[in-house]
Amino acid sequence: MNDSSARRLPRRAVFLDRDGVINFKLPENHYVSDVGKFNLIPSAIEALAVLRRLGYVLVLITNQRGIARGFMTGEDLAAVHEHMQMVLQTGGADLDAIYHCPHEVFEDCDCRKPRPGMILAAVRDLNLNPSESYTVGDSDSDVAAGKSAGTKTVRIATGTDNEADLTFPDLLHFALFLEEREKEPN
């Protein structure tokens, strides 16, 4: 196999929810609508850096209905994500791609989780292999979207989740689990 055909092989990825996984989640019906409301979970940089070292493509998939509800604009969200990327980049943990759904819950879109539209778009756009990938989130809709897209699923929670394939208290615990697993002989 030559170099050009190797680059065409689908790659593995980690699809990440944002609120509650990378940054602290605000109370229900409150939105990270500006940089001042974005508070990074301290261990997120280390976790993302570990996943990057393991060779995963890092893709953010986030529902942002605050846009549809008029609490922020697409430009506000872009500024938050630009700030987030700069912070993550300081630790070698910036994301490869960001996908967001700006729609309200009742809108019939394909992108809003629990539908898998954002994941499937990233799979197509970035040549990713869903069966070798993980979807990580803190809600039922994240797990459902990952399952629908054919990924393994990880729930960030203090308890267990019978729907998710794996459950961890935070992203760092998941990243360290993968790191340990990759050290094991095949």
N, C-alpha and C. Protein backbone atom coordinates (compact mmCIF):
# COMPACT_ATOMS: atom_id res chain seq x y z
N MET A 1 0.86 -1.17 0.00
CA MET A 1 0.00 0.00 0.00
C MET A 1 0.90 1.23 0.00
N ASN A 2 0.63 2.15 -0.89
CA ASN A 2 1.44 3.36 -0.93
C ASN A 2 0.87 4.43 0.01
N ASP A 3 1.60 5.53 0.18
CA ASP A 3 1.19 6.57 1.12
C ASP A 3 -0.17 7.17 0.79
N SER A 4 -0.46 7.36 -0.49
CA SER A 4 -1.73 8.00 -0.83
C SER A 4 -2.92 7.10 -0.52
N SER A 5 -2.79 5.78 -0.71
CA SER A 5 -3.90 4.90 -0.38
C SER A 5 -4.07 4.75 1.13
N ALA A 6 -2.97 4.84 1.88
CA ALA A 6 -3.06 4.76 3.34
C ALA A 6 -3.83 5.96 3.89
N ARG A 7 -3.67 7.11 3.29
CA ARG A 7 -4.36 8.31 3.76
C ARG A 7 -5.86 8.23 3.49
N ARG A 8 -6.28 7.42 2.54
CA ARG A 8 -7.69 7.31 2.21
C ARG A 8 -8.44 6.36 3.13
N LEU A 9 -7.72 5.52 3.88
CA LEU A 9 -8.39 4.61 4.79
C LEU A 9 -9.13 5.40 5.85
N PRO A 10 -10.33 4.97 6.19
CA PRO A 10 -11.07 5.67 7.25
C PRO A 10 -10.30 5.64 8.57
N ARG A 11 -10.39 6.76 9.28
CA ARG A 11 -9.67 6.90 10.55
C ARG A 11 -10.64 6.79 11.70
N ARG A 12 -10.10 6.55 12.88
CA ARG A 12 -10.93 6.49 14.07
C ARG A 12 -11.02 7.87 14.70
N ALA A 13 -12.13 8.09 15.40
CA ALA A 13 -12.39 9.41 15.95
C ALA A 13 -13.02 9.29 17.33
N VAL A 14 -12.99 10.41 18.04
CA VAL A 14 -13.80 10.57 19.25
C VAL A 14 -14.71 11.76 18.98
N PHE A 15 -16.01 11.50 18.98
CA PHE A 15 -17.02 12.53 18.81
C PHE A 15 -17.41 13.01 20.21
N LEU A 16 -17.26 14.29 20.46
CA LEU A 16 -17.39 14.84 21.81
C LEU A 16 -18.53 15.83 21.92
N ASP A 17 -19.38 15.60 22.90
CA ASP A 17 -20.32 16.64 23.29
C ASP A 17 -19.49 17.73 23.97
N ARG A 18 -19.99 18.94 24.03
CA ARG A 18 -19.22 20.03 24.64
C ARG A 18 -19.59 20.27 26.09
N ASP A 19 -20.82 20.69 26.33
CA ASP A 19 -21.25 21.07 27.68
C ASP A 19 -21.35 19.84 28.58
N GLY A 20 -20.57 19.85 29.66
CA GLY A 20 -20.55 18.72 30.57
C GLY A 20 -19.43 17.73 30.29
N VAL A 21 -18.76 17.90 29.15
CA VAL A 21 -17.65 17.01 28.78
C VAL A 21 -16.35 17.81 28.69
N ILE A 22 -16.37 18.92 27.95
CA ILE A 22 -15.19 19.78 27.79
C ILE A 22 -15.28 21.00 28.71
N ASN A 23 -16.45 21.56 28.82
CA ASN A 23 -16.65 22.71 29.72
C ASN A 23 -17.78 22.39 30.69
N PHE A 24 -17.79 23.13 31.80
CA PHE A 24 -18.84 22.93 32.79
C PHE A 24 -20.18 23.32 32.19
N LYS A 25 -21.18 22.50 32.45
CA LYS A 25 -22.53 22.72 31.94
C LYS A 25 -23.23 23.77 32.79
N LEU A 26 -23.90 24.68 32.13
CA LEU A 26 -24.71 25.67 32.84
C LEU A 26 -26.06 25.05 33.19
N PRO A 27 -26.81 25.67 34.11
CA PRO A 27 -28.14 25.15 34.45
C PRO A 27 -29.04 25.09 33.21
N GLU A 28 -30.05 24.24 33.28
CA GLU A 28 -31.01 24.08 32.17
C GLU A 28 -31.52 25.44 31.69
N ASN A 29 -31.62 25.59 30.37
CA ASN A 29 -32.09 26.81 29.70
C ASN A 29 -31.16 28.01 29.87
N HIS A 30 -29.91 27.77 30.24
CA HIS A 30 -28.86 28.79 30.22
C HIS A 30 -27.83 28.33 29.20
N TYR A 31 -27.23 29.27 28.50
CA TYR A 31 -26.39 28.92 27.37
C TYR A 31 -25.02 29.59 27.47
N VAL A 32 -24.00 28.88 26.99
CA VAL A 32 -22.66 29.45 26.90
C VAL A 32 -22.68 30.33 25.64
N SER A 33 -23.18 31.54 25.82
CA SER A 33 -23.43 32.43 24.69
C SER A 33 -22.30 33.43 24.46
N ASP A 34 -21.34 33.47 25.38
CA ASP A 34 -20.17 34.33 25.18
C ASP A 34 -18.99 33.71 25.92
N VAL A 35 -17.81 34.19 25.60
CA VAL A 35 -16.56 33.65 26.13
C VAL A 35 -16.55 33.67 27.66
N GLY A 36 -17.14 34.67 28.27
CA GLY A 36 -17.16 34.78 29.73
C GLY A 36 -17.93 33.66 30.42
N LYS A 37 -18.80 32.98 29.68
CA LYS A 37 -19.58 31.88 30.26
C LYS A 37 -18.95 30.51 29.99
N PHE A 38 -17.85 30.51 29.26
CA PHE A 38 -17.17 29.25 28.95
C PHE A 38 -16.15 28.95 30.04
N ASN A 39 -16.38 27.89 30.80
CA ASN A 39 -15.47 27.48 31.86
C ASN A 39 -15.02 26.05 31.60
N LEU A 40 -13.78 25.93 31.17
CA LEU A 40 -13.20 24.65 30.82
C LEU A 40 -13.11 23.73 32.04
N ILE A 41 -13.44 22.47 31.87
CA ILE A 41 -13.19 21.48 32.90
C ILE A 41 -11.68 21.28 32.93
N PRO A 42 -11.03 21.46 34.09
CA PRO A 42 -9.56 21.47 34.14
C PRO A 42 -8.88 20.26 33.50
N SER A 43 -9.43 19.07 33.64
CA SER A 43 -8.78 17.88 33.10
C SER A 43 -9.04 17.67 31.61
N ALA A 44 -9.86 18.51 30.98
CA ALA A 44 -10.21 18.30 29.57
C ALA A 44 -9.01 18.43 28.65
N ILE A 45 -8.13 19.39 28.91
CA ILE A 45 -6.95 19.55 28.04
C ILE A 45 -6.10 18.29 28.07
N GLU A 46 -5.81 17.79 29.26
CA GLU A 46 -5.00 16.57 29.36
C GLU A 46 -5.68 15.40 28.66
N ALA A 47 -6.99 15.26 28.86
CA ALA A 47 -7.74 14.17 28.24
C ALA A 47 -7.67 14.24 26.72
N LEU A 48 -7.91 15.42 26.17
CA LEU A 48 -7.88 15.57 24.71
C LEU A 48 -6.47 15.36 24.16
N ALA A 49 -5.46 15.78 24.90
CA ALA A 49 -4.07 15.56 24.46
C ALA A 49 -3.75 14.07 24.43
N VAL A 50 -4.24 13.32 25.41
CA VAL A 50 -4.03 11.87 25.41
C VAL A 50 -4.71 11.25 24.19
N LEU A 51 -5.96 11.62 23.93
CA LEU A 51 -6.69 11.08 22.78
C LEU A 51 -5.99 11.43 21.47
N ARG A 52 -5.47 12.63 21.37
CA ARG A 52 -4.73 13.05 20.17
C ARG A 52 -3.47 12.19 19.99
N ARG A 53 -2.73 11.98 21.10
CA ARG A 53 -1.51 11.14 21.04
C ARG A 53 -1.84 9.71 20.60
N LEU A 54 -3.01 9.23 20.97
CA LEU A 54 -3.42 7.89 20.58
C LEU A 54 -3.86 7.81 19.12
N GLY A 55 -3.93 8.95 18.45
CA GLY A 55 -4.24 8.98 17.03
C GLY A 55 -5.70 9.18 16.68
N TYR A 56 -6.51 9.57 17.64
CA TYR A 56 -7.92 9.82 17.35
C TYR A 56 -8.12 11.19 16.74
N VAL A 57 -9.02 11.28 15.77
CA VAL A 57 -9.49 12.55 15.25
C VAL A 57 -10.51 13.06 16.27
N LEU A 58 -10.39 14.32 16.68
CA LEU A 58 -11.25 14.88 17.72
C LEU A 58 -12.30 15.79 17.10
N VAL A 59 -13.56 15.41 17.26
CA VAL A 59 -14.66 16.11 16.60
C VAL A 59 -15.71 16.51 17.65
N LEU A 60 -15.98 17.80 17.72
CA LEU A 60 -17.03 18.30 18.60
C LEU A 60 -18.37 18.20 17.90
N ILE A 61 -19.37 17.66 18.59
CA ILE A 61 -20.74 17.59 18.08
C ILE A 61 -21.64 18.14 19.19
N THR A 62 -22.23 19.30 18.97
CA THR A 62 -22.93 19.97 20.05
C THR A 62 -24.26 20.56 19.61
N ASN A 63 -25.31 20.25 20.36
CA ASN A 63 -26.60 20.90 20.16
C ASN A 63 -26.50 22.31 20.74
N GLN A 64 -26.92 23.31 19.97
CA GLN A 64 -26.86 24.71 20.41
C GLN A 64 -28.18 25.41 20.10
N ARG A 65 -29.24 24.95 20.75
CA ARG A 65 -30.56 25.53 20.48
C ARG A 65 -30.69 26.96 20.99
N GLY A 66 -29.73 27.44 21.76
CA GLY A 66 -29.74 28.84 22.18
C GLY A 66 -29.77 29.78 20.99
N ILE A 67 -29.26 29.31 19.84
CA ILE A 67 -29.31 30.11 18.61
C ILE A 67 -30.76 30.24 18.16
N ALA A 68 -31.46 29.10 18.07
CA ALA A 68 -32.87 29.11 17.63
C ALA A 68 -33.75 29.90 18.60
N ARG A 69 -33.38 29.90 19.86
CA ARG A 69 -34.17 30.59 20.87
C ARG A 69 -33.81 32.07 21.01
N GLY A 70 -32.81 32.52 20.25
CA GLY A 70 -32.45 33.93 20.25
C GLY A 70 -31.56 34.37 21.41
N PHE A 71 -30.99 33.43 22.14
CA PHE A 71 -30.09 33.79 23.25
C PHE A 71 -28.68 34.09 22.78
N MET A 72 -28.37 33.68 21.54
CA MET A 72 -27.06 33.95 20.94
C MET A 72 -27.20 33.82 19.43
N THR A 73 -26.18 34.29 18.76
CA THR A 73 -26.14 34.19 17.30
C THR A 73 -25.09 33.14 16.92
N GLY A 74 -25.08 32.80 15.66
CA GLY A 74 -24.04 31.91 15.16
C GLY A 74 -22.66 32.51 15.34
N GLU A 75 -22.58 33.84 15.23
CA GLU A 75 -21.30 34.54 15.43
C GLU A 75 -20.86 34.45 16.89
N ASP A 76 -21.82 34.55 17.82
CA ASP A 76 -21.50 34.39 19.25
C ASP A 76 -20.92 33.00 19.51
N LEU A 77 -21.57 31.98 18.94
CA LEU A 77 -21.10 30.61 19.11
C LEU A 77 -19.71 30.44 18.49
N ALA A 78 -19.49 31.00 17.32
CA ALA A 78 -18.18 30.91 16.68
C ALA A 78 -17.10 31.53 17.56
N ALA A 79 -17.41 32.65 18.21
CA ALA A 79 -16.44 33.29 19.11
C ALA A 79 -16.13 32.40 20.30
N VAL A 80 -17.14 31.75 20.86
CA VAL A 80 -16.92 30.82 21.98
C VAL A 80 -16.03 29.67 21.53
N HIS A 81 -16.31 29.11 20.35
CA HIS A 81 -15.53 27.98 19.87
C HIS A 81 -14.11 28.40 19.50
N GLU A 82 -13.94 29.60 18.98
CA GLU A 82 -12.60 30.09 18.68
C GLU A 82 -11.79 30.23 19.98
N HIS A 83 -12.42 30.77 21.00
CA HIS A 83 -11.77 30.89 22.32
C HIS A 83 -11.42 29.51 22.87
N MET A 84 -12.37 28.59 22.79
CA MET A 84 -12.14 27.23 23.28
C MET A 84 -10.95 26.60 22.56
N GLN A 85 -10.90 26.73 21.24
CA GLN A 85 -9.80 26.16 20.46
C GLN A 85 -8.46 26.76 20.88
N MET A 86 -8.41 28.06 21.12
CA MET A 86 -7.15 28.70 21.55
C MET A 86 -6.71 28.14 22.90
N VAL A 87 -7.65 27.98 23.82
CA VAL A 87 -7.32 27.43 25.14
C VAL A 87 -6.84 25.99 25.00
N LEU A 88 -7.53 25.19 24.22
CA LEU A 88 -7.15 23.80 24.03
C LEU A 88 -5.80 23.66 23.33
N GLN A 89 -5.55 24.55 22.40
CA GLN A 89 -4.30 24.50 21.63
C GLN A 89 -3.07 24.69 22.52
N THR A 90 -3.22 25.45 23.61
CA THR A 90 -2.08 25.66 24.51
C THR A 90 -1.59 24.34 25.09
N GLY A 91 -2.45 23.34 25.17
CA GLY A 91 -2.06 22.03 25.69
C GLY A 91 -1.97 20.97 24.61
N GLY A 92 -1.91 21.38 23.35
CA GLY A 92 -1.83 20.42 22.25
C GLY A 92 -3.09 19.58 22.14
N ALA A 93 -4.23 20.19 22.44
CA ALA A 93 -5.47 19.43 22.52
C ALA A 93 -6.60 20.04 21.70
N ASP A 94 -6.27 20.84 20.69
CA ASP A 94 -7.33 21.47 19.90
C ASP A 94 -8.08 20.41 19.10
N LEU A 95 -9.29 20.75 18.74
CA LEU A 95 -10.18 19.84 18.04
C LEU A 95 -9.93 19.91 16.53
N ASP A 96 -10.16 18.80 15.86
CA ASP A 96 -9.97 18.75 14.41
C ASP A 96 -11.15 19.34 13.65
N ALA A 97 -12.34 19.25 14.24
CA ALA A 97 -13.54 19.78 13.58
C ALA A 97 -14.61 20.05 14.64
N ILE A 98 -15.48 21.00 14.29
CA ILE A 98 -16.59 21.36 15.18
C ILE A 98 -17.87 21.37 14.35
N TYR A 99 -18.87 20.63 14.83
CA TYR A 99 -20.19 20.60 14.22
C TYR A 99 -21.19 21.01 15.28
N HIS A 100 -22.14 21.83 14.89
CA HIS A 100 -23.19 22.22 15.84
C HIS A 100 -24.55 22.20 15.16
N CYS A 101 -25.56 21.95 15.97
CA CYS A 101 -26.95 22.02 15.52
C CYS A 101 -27.57 23.26 16.15
N PRO A 102 -28.02 24.22 15.34
CA PRO A 102 -28.60 25.44 15.88
C PRO A 102 -30.12 25.37 16.07
N HIS A 103 -30.70 24.21 15.88
CA HIS A 103 -32.16 24.09 15.84
C HIS A 103 -32.78 23.86 17.21
N GLU A 104 -34.05 24.18 17.30
CA GLU A 104 -34.85 23.96 18.50
C GLU A 104 -35.27 22.48 18.55
N VAL A 105 -35.63 22.02 19.72
CA VAL A 105 -35.98 20.62 19.94
C VAL A 105 -37.09 20.16 18.99
N PHE A 106 -38.11 20.98 18.79
CA PHE A 106 -39.27 20.56 17.99
C PHE A 106 -39.05 20.66 16.48
N GLU A 107 -37.96 21.26 16.05
CA GLU A 107 -37.68 21.33 14.61
C GLU A 107 -37.29 19.94 14.12
N ASP A 108 -37.69 19.61 12.92
CA ASP A 108 -37.46 18.27 12.38
C ASP A 108 -36.17 18.25 11.57
N CYS A 109 -35.05 18.43 12.26
CA CYS A 109 -33.76 18.42 11.57
C CYS A 109 -33.09 17.06 11.78
N ASP A 110 -32.13 16.77 10.94
CA ASP A 110 -31.37 15.52 11.07
C ASP A 110 -30.13 15.68 11.94
N CYS A 111 -29.78 16.93 12.25
CA CYS A 111 -28.52 17.15 12.96
C CYS A 111 -28.66 17.14 14.48
N ARG A 112 -29.80 17.47 15.01
CA ARG A 112 -29.95 17.57 16.46
C ARG A 112 -29.90 16.19 17.12
N LYS A 113 -28.97 16.04 18.06
CA LYS A 113 -28.93 14.79 18.81
C LYS A 113 -30.25 14.66 19.59
N PRO A 114 -30.87 13.53 19.58
CA PRO A 114 -30.32 12.19 19.45
C PRO A 114 -30.17 11.66 18.02
N ARG A 115 -30.53 12.44 17.03
CA ARG A 115 -30.29 11.99 15.65
C ARG A 115 -28.78 12.05 15.36
N PRO A 116 -28.30 11.22 14.46
CA PRO A 116 -26.86 11.12 14.24
C PRO A 116 -26.29 12.03 13.16
N GLY A 117 -27.05 13.02 12.70
CA GLY A 117 -26.64 13.81 11.54
C GLY A 117 -25.27 14.45 11.63
N MET A 118 -24.92 15.03 12.79
CA MET A 118 -23.61 15.67 12.91
C MET A 118 -22.49 14.64 12.82
N ILE A 119 -22.69 13.50 13.46
CA ILE A 119 -21.67 12.45 13.41
C ILE A 119 -21.51 11.94 11.99
N LEU A 120 -22.63 11.66 11.33
CA LEU A 120 -22.56 11.14 9.96
C LEU A 120 -21.94 12.15 8.99
N ALA A 121 -22.21 13.43 9.20
CA ALA A 121 -21.58 14.46 8.36
C ALA A 121 -20.06 14.45 8.57
N ALA A 122 -19.62 14.34 9.81
CA ALA A 122 -18.18 14.30 10.09
C ALA A 122 -17.55 13.04 9.50
N VAL A 123 -18.25 11.92 9.59
CA VAL A 123 -17.74 10.67 9.01
C VAL A 123 -17.47 10.86 7.52
N ARG A 124 -18.42 11.48 6.83
CA ARG A 124 -18.26 11.74 5.39
C ARG A 124 -17.17 12.77 5.12
N ASP A 125 -17.24 13.89 5.84
CA ASP A 125 -16.32 15.00 5.57
C ASP A 125 -14.87 14.67 5.88
N LEU A 126 -14.65 13.86 6.93
CA LEU A 126 -13.30 13.64 7.44
C LEU A 126 -12.79 12.22 7.21
N ASN A 127 -13.56 11.41 6.49
CA ASN A 127 -13.17 10.03 6.19
C ASN A 127 -12.92 9.25 7.47
N LEU A 128 -13.95 9.12 8.29
CA LEU A 128 -13.85 8.47 9.59
C LEU A 128 -14.56 7.13 9.59
N ASN A 129 -14.10 6.23 10.44
CA ASN A 129 -14.69 4.91 10.56
C ASN A 129 -15.52 4.86 11.85
N PRO A 130 -16.83 4.91 11.76
CA PRO A 130 -17.64 4.94 12.97
C PRO A 130 -17.46 3.71 13.86
N SER A 131 -17.25 2.54 13.29
CA SER A 131 -17.15 1.33 14.10
C SER A 131 -15.87 1.30 14.93
N GLU A 132 -14.89 2.12 14.59
CA GLU A 132 -13.64 2.21 15.36
C GLU A 132 -13.61 3.50 16.19
N SER A 133 -14.74 4.16 16.30
CA SER A 133 -14.82 5.47 16.95
C SER A 133 -15.71 5.41 18.18
N TYR A 134 -15.65 6.49 18.96
CA TYR A 134 -16.44 6.63 20.18
C TYR A 134 -17.22 7.93 20.14
N THR A 135 -18.41 7.91 20.69
CA THR A 135 -19.17 9.13 20.95
C THR A 135 -19.22 9.29 22.47
N VAL A 136 -18.79 10.47 22.94
CA VAL A 136 -18.69 10.74 24.37
C VAL A 136 -19.62 11.89 24.72
N GLY A 137 -20.50 11.67 25.69
CA GLY A 137 -21.41 12.73 26.11
C GLY A 137 -21.97 12.47 27.49
N ASP A 138 -22.69 13.45 27.99
CA ASP A 138 -23.25 13.35 29.34
C ASP A 138 -24.76 13.19 29.35
N SER A 139 -25.36 12.92 28.20
CA SER A 139 -26.83 12.82 28.16
C SER A 139 -27.28 11.61 27.34
N ASP A 140 -28.55 11.27 27.53
CA ASP A 140 -29.15 10.18 26.76
C ASP A 140 -29.07 10.45 25.27
N SER A 141 -29.24 11.71 24.87
CA SER A 141 -29.25 12.03 23.44
C SER A 141 -27.87 11.82 22.82
N ASP A 142 -26.80 12.03 23.58
CA ASP A 142 -25.44 11.77 23.06
C ASP A 142 -25.26 10.29 22.80
N VAL A 143 -25.66 9.48 23.77
CA VAL A 143 -25.53 8.03 23.64
C VAL A 143 -26.38 7.53 22.46
N ALA A 144 -27.60 8.01 22.35
CA ALA A 144 -28.48 7.59 21.26
C ALA A 144 -27.91 7.97 19.89
N ALA A 145 -27.36 9.17 19.78
CA ALA A 145 -26.77 9.60 18.50
C ALA A 145 -25.59 8.72 18.13
N GLY A 146 -24.74 8.42 19.11
CA GLY A 146 -23.59 7.56 18.84
C GLY A 146 -24.00 6.17 18.40
N LYS A 147 -24.98 5.61 19.09
CA LYS A 147 -25.46 4.27 18.71
C LYS A 147 -26.05 4.29 17.30
N SER A 148 -26.84 5.31 16.98
CA SER A 148 -27.45 5.41 15.65
C SER A 148 -26.41 5.55 14.55
N ALA A 149 -25.28 6.17 14.88
CA ALA A 149 -24.21 6.38 13.89
C ALA A 149 -23.27 5.18 13.81
N GLY A 150 -23.43 4.21 14.71
CA GLY A 150 -22.59 3.02 14.66
C GLY A 150 -21.28 3.13 15.43
N THR A 151 -21.19 4.09 16.36
CA THR A 151 -19.99 4.22 17.18
C THR A 151 -20.17 3.49 18.50
N LYS A 152 -19.06 3.29 19.20
CA LYS A 152 -19.14 2.87 20.59
C LYS A 152 -19.52 4.11 21.39
N THR A 153 -20.20 3.93 22.52
CA THR A 153 -20.69 5.08 23.26
C THR A 153 -20.13 5.13 24.67
N VAL A 154 -19.87 6.37 25.12
CA VAL A 154 -19.33 6.62 26.45
C VAL A 154 -20.20 7.67 27.11
N ARG A 155 -20.66 7.36 28.31
CA ARG A 155 -21.46 8.31 29.08
C ARG A 155 -20.58 8.88 30.18
N ILE A 156 -20.52 10.20 30.26
CA ILE A 156 -19.84 10.88 31.36
C ILE A 156 -20.88 11.06 32.45
N ALA A 157 -20.70 10.31 33.54
CA ALA A 157 -21.67 10.32 34.63
C ALA A 157 -21.02 9.72 35.87
N THR A 158 -21.59 10.03 37.02
CA THR A 158 -21.06 9.46 38.25
C THR A 158 -21.57 8.05 38.48
N GLY A 159 -22.72 7.72 37.96
CA GLY A 159 -23.28 6.37 38.10
C GLY A 159 -23.04 5.57 36.84
N THR A 160 -23.80 4.52 36.67
CA THR A 160 -23.70 3.71 35.46
C THR A 160 -24.84 4.07 34.51
N ASP A 161 -24.64 3.73 33.27
CA ASP A 161 -25.64 3.96 32.23
C ASP A 161 -25.80 2.66 31.47
N ASN A 162 -26.96 2.05 31.56
CA ASN A 162 -27.18 0.78 30.90
C ASN A 162 -27.24 0.88 29.38
N GLU A 163 -27.44 2.07 28.86
CA GLU A 163 -27.51 2.26 27.41
C GLU A 163 -26.12 2.44 26.78
N ALA A 164 -25.21 3.09 27.50
CA ALA A 164 -23.87 3.36 26.98
C ALA A 164 -23.00 2.12 27.07
N ASP A 165 -22.02 2.02 26.17
CA ASP A 165 -21.08 0.91 26.21
C ASP A 165 -20.14 1.03 27.41
N LEU A 166 -19.76 2.27 27.74
CA LEU A 166 -18.84 2.54 28.84
C LEU A 166 -19.32 3.76 29.60
N THR A 167 -18.99 3.84 30.88
CA THR A 167 -19.32 5.01 31.70
C THR A 167 -18.08 5.41 32.49
N PHE A 168 -17.78 6.71 32.49
CA PHE A 168 -16.65 7.25 33.24
C PHE A 168 -17.08 8.54 33.91
N PRO A 169 -16.42 8.91 35.01
CA PRO A 169 -16.80 10.14 35.70
C PRO A 169 -16.40 11.41 34.95
N ASP A 170 -15.42 11.31 34.06
CA ASP A 170 -15.01 12.47 33.26
C ASP A 170 -14.23 11.99 32.04
N LEU A 171 -13.93 12.92 31.17
CA LEU A 171 -13.24 12.62 29.92
C LEU A 171 -11.84 12.08 30.17
N LEU A 172 -11.15 12.59 31.18
CA LEU A 172 -9.79 12.13 31.46
C LEU A 172 -9.78 10.64 31.83
N HIS A 173 -10.70 10.20 32.65
CA HIS A 173 -10.75 8.78 33.00
C HIS A 173 -10.94 7.92 31.75
N PHE A 174 -11.76 8.36 30.82
CA PHE A 174 -11.96 7.63 29.57
C PHE A 174 -10.67 7.60 28.75
N ALA A 175 -10.02 8.75 28.60
CA ALA A 175 -8.79 8.82 27.81
C ALA A 175 -7.70 7.91 28.40
N LEU A 176 -7.56 7.92 29.72
CA LEU A 176 -6.56 7.07 30.36
C LEU A 176 -6.90 5.59 30.22
N PHE A 177 -8.19 5.27 30.23
CA PHE A 177 -8.63 3.89 29.97
C PHE A 177 -8.18 3.45 28.57
N LEU A 178 -8.41 4.30 27.56
CA LEU A 178 -7.98 3.94 26.20
C LEU A 178 -6.47 3.82 26.11
N GLU A 179 -5.76 4.71 26.78
CA GLU A 179 -4.30 4.67 26.77
C GLU A 179 -3.80 3.35 27.36
N GLU A 180 -4.36 2.93 28.47
CA GLU A 180 -3.97 1.66 29.10
C GLU A 180 -4.32 0.49 28.20
N ARG A 181 -5.49 0.53 27.60
CA ARG A 181 -5.92 -0.56 26.74
C ARG A 181 -4.99 -0.72 25.52
N GLU A 182 -4.51 0.41 25.02
CA GLU A 182 -3.62 0.33 23.84
C GLU A 182 -2.24 -0.18 24.20
N LYS A 183 -1.87 -0.14 25.46
CA LYS A 183 -0.59 -0.68 25.91
C LYS A 183 -0.61 -2.20 26.01
N GLU A 184 -1.83 -2.77 26.14
CA GLU A 184 -1.96 -4.21 26.30
C GLU A 184 -1.58 -4.91 25.00
N PRO A 185 -0.86 -6.06 25.13
CA PRO A 185 -0.50 -6.79 23.91
C PRO A 185 -1.75 -7.38 23.26
N ASN A 186 -1.72 -7.43 21.94
CA ASN A 186 -2.89 -7.95 21.22
C ASN A 186 -2.95 -9.41 21.32
